Structures are given as C-alpha cells and as structure tokens.
C-alpha atoms as a PDB file:
ATOM      1  CA  MET A   1       0.000   0.000   0.000  1.00  0.00           C
ATOM      2  CA  ASP A   2       1.431   3.395  -1.073  1.00  0.00           C
ATOM      3  CA  PRO A   3       1.657   6.176   1.480  1.00  0.00           C
ATOM      4  CA  ASP A   4      -1.010   8.860   1.276  1.00  0.00           C
ATOM      5  CA  PRO A   5       0.395  11.706  -0.869  1.00  0.00           C
ATOM      6  CA  THR A   6      -1.870  14.224   0.869  1.00  0.00           C
ATOM      7  CA  ALA A   7      -0.461  13.276   4.261  1.00  0.00           C
ATOM      8  CA  ALA A   8       3.088  13.544   2.919  1.00  0.00           C
ATOM      9  CA  ILE A   9       2.350  16.987   1.485  1.00  0.00           C
ATOM     10  CA  GLU A  10       0.811  18.130   4.784  1.00  0.00           C
ATOM     11  CA  ALA A  11       3.817  16.815   6.706  1.00  0.00           C
ATOM     12  CA  LEU A  12       6.127  18.642   4.321  1.00  0.00           C
ATOM     13  CA  ARG A  13       4.058  21.820   4.650  1.00  0.00           C
ATOM     14  CA  GLY A  14       4.354  21.584   8.443  1.00  0.00           C
ATOM     15  CA  ARG A  15       8.109  21.170   8.269  1.00  0.00           C
ATOM     16  CA  ILE A  16       8.404  24.133   5.890  1.00  0.00           C
ATOM     17  CA  GLU A  17       6.364  26.306   8.257  1.00  0.00           C
ATOM     18  CA  LEU A  18       8.628  25.321  11.161  1.00  0.00           C
ATOM     19  CA  LEU A  19      11.691  26.115   9.070  1.00  0.00           C
ATOM     20  CA  LEU A  20      10.268  29.522   8.131  1.00  0.00           C
ATOM     21  CA  VAL A  21       9.678  30.322  11.804  1.00  0.00           C
ATOM     22  CA  ARG A  22      13.225  29.250  12.608  1.00  0.00           C
ATOM     23  CA  VAL A  23      14.611  31.394   9.768  1.00  0.00           C
ATOM     24  CA  GLN A  24      12.741  34.405  11.164  1.00  0.00           C
ATOM     25  CA  GLN A  25      14.095  33.702  14.667  1.00  0.00           C
ATOM     26  CA  LEU A  26      17.638  33.413  13.375  1.00  0.00           C
ATOM     27  CA  ALA A  27      17.294  36.593  11.315  1.00  0.00           C
ATOM     28  CA  GLU A  28      16.142  38.501  14.416  1.00  0.00           C
ATOM     29  CA  GLU A  29      18.935  37.020  16.520  1.00  0.00           C
ATOM     30  CA  ASN A  30      21.444  37.959  13.816  1.00  0.00           C
ATOM     31  CA  ARG A  31      20.090  41.526  13.740  1.00  0.00           C
ATOM     32  CA  GLN A  32      20.437  41.808  17.514  1.00  0.00           C
ATOM     33  CA  LEU A  33      23.970  40.404  17.451  1.00  0.00           C
ATOM     34  CA  ARG A  34      25.023  42.820  14.728  1.00  0.00           C
ATOM     35  CA  ALA A  35      23.586  45.751  16.690  1.00  0.00           C
ATOM     36  CA  ALA A  36      25.451  44.620  19.812  1.00  0.00           C
ATOM     37  CA  GLN A  37      28.668  44.226  17.829  1.00  0.00           C
ATOM     38  CA  GLU A  38      28.270  47.730  16.411  1.00  0.00           C
ATOM     39  CA  GLN A  39      27.747  49.124  19.904  1.00  0.00           C
ATOM     40  CA  TRP A  40      30.828  47.275  21.228  1.00  0.00           C
ATOM     41  CA  ASN A  41      32.927  48.542  18.328  1.00  0.00           C
ATOM     42  CA  SER A  42      31.797  52.089  19.068  1.00  0.00           C
ATOM     43  CA  GLU A  43      32.551  51.680  22.764  1.00  0.00           C
ATOM     44  CA  ARG A  44      35.972  50.252  21.954  1.00  0.00           C
ATOM     45  CA  ALA A  45      36.767  53.204  19.694  1.00  0.00           C
ATOM     46  CA  GLN A  46      35.821  55.600  22.491  1.00  0.00           C
ATOM     47  CA  LEU A  47      38.018  53.729  24.956  1.00  0.00           C
ATOM     48  CA  VAL A  48      40.959  53.749  22.544  1.00  0.00           C
ATOM     49  CA  GLU A  49      40.525  57.510  22.107  1.00  0.00           C
ATOM     50  CA  ARG A  50      40.379  58.073  25.864  1.00  0.00           C
ATOM     51  CA  ASN A  51      43.476  55.929  26.300  1.00  0.00           C
ATOM     52  CA  GLU A  52      45.354  57.984  23.711  1.00  0.00           C
ATOM     53  CA  GLN A  53      44.306  61.227  25.422  1.00  0.00           C
ATOM     54  CA  ALA A  54      45.495  59.904  28.790  1.00  0.00           C
ATOM     55  CA  ARG A  55      48.784  58.785  27.231  1.00  0.00           C
ATOM     56  CA  SER A  56      49.315  62.237  25.746  1.00  0.00           C
ATOM     57  CA  ARG A  57      48.635  63.920  29.096  1.00  0.00           C
ATOM     58  CA  VAL A  58      51.056  61.611  30.908  1.00  0.00           C
ATOM     59  CA  GLU A  59      53.748  62.199  28.279  1.00  0.00           C
ATOM     60  CA  ALA A  60      53.228  65.977  28.589  1.00  0.00           C
ATOM     61  CA  MET A  61      53.536  65.763  32.381  1.00  0.00           C
ATOM     62  CA  ILE A  62      56.753  63.760  32.077  1.00  0.00           C
ATOM     63  CA  ALA A  63      58.157  66.332  29.654  1.00  0.00           C
ATOM     64  CA  ARG A  64      57.268  69.185  32.033  1.00  0.00           C
ATOM     65  CA  LEU A  65      58.848  67.353  34.977  1.00  0.00           C
ATOM     66  CA  LYS A  66      62.038  66.751  32.988  1.00  0.00           C
ATOM     67  CA  ALA A  67      62.131  70.443  32.016  1.00  0.00           C
ATOM     68  CA  LEU A  68      61.668  71.493  35.647  1.00  0.00           C
ATOM     69  CA  GLU A  69      64.408  69.076  36.701  1.00  0.00           C
ATOM     70  CA  GLN A  70      66.834  70.520  34.150  1.00  0.00           C
ATOM     71  CA  ASN A  71      66.051  74.105  35.248  1.00  0.00           C
ATOM     72  CA  ALA A  72      66.600  73.319  38.922  1.00  0.00           C
END
C-alpha cells in the first residue's frame, strides 16, 4: 500500500512552516547580534581615544617634569 500523498504533502508543509519560523528567529537574533557588535565597536573606539588622550597627558607631564628638573 502506497503512502497517502496528501499526508506527505501536509507533513512537508508543516516542516516548511517550522523552518520559516526558525529562519525568522535566526534573522532577528542575527540583527540583535550585529547591533550589539556595532555598539561594542563604538565603545571600543571611544576607549581607545580616551586611552590615547590619557597617554598624551602623561607624556606631557613627564616632559614638564624633565624640564623642571633641568632648570633646577
């Protein structure tokens, strides 16, 4: 006895619907991950900039201290 083609089509339709839901979930998760990555990249850039500013200030202080030492 051959399997019922209607039942096979319905089973396939059900699997396709589940896959479509999963694709939508993954697309949303991917969107959220990309947004988080963009935010982290922005935060990292800000931290690098702040680090460079702090480095410049420390180097300037060292230069001033050396100049004061030479004048003393």
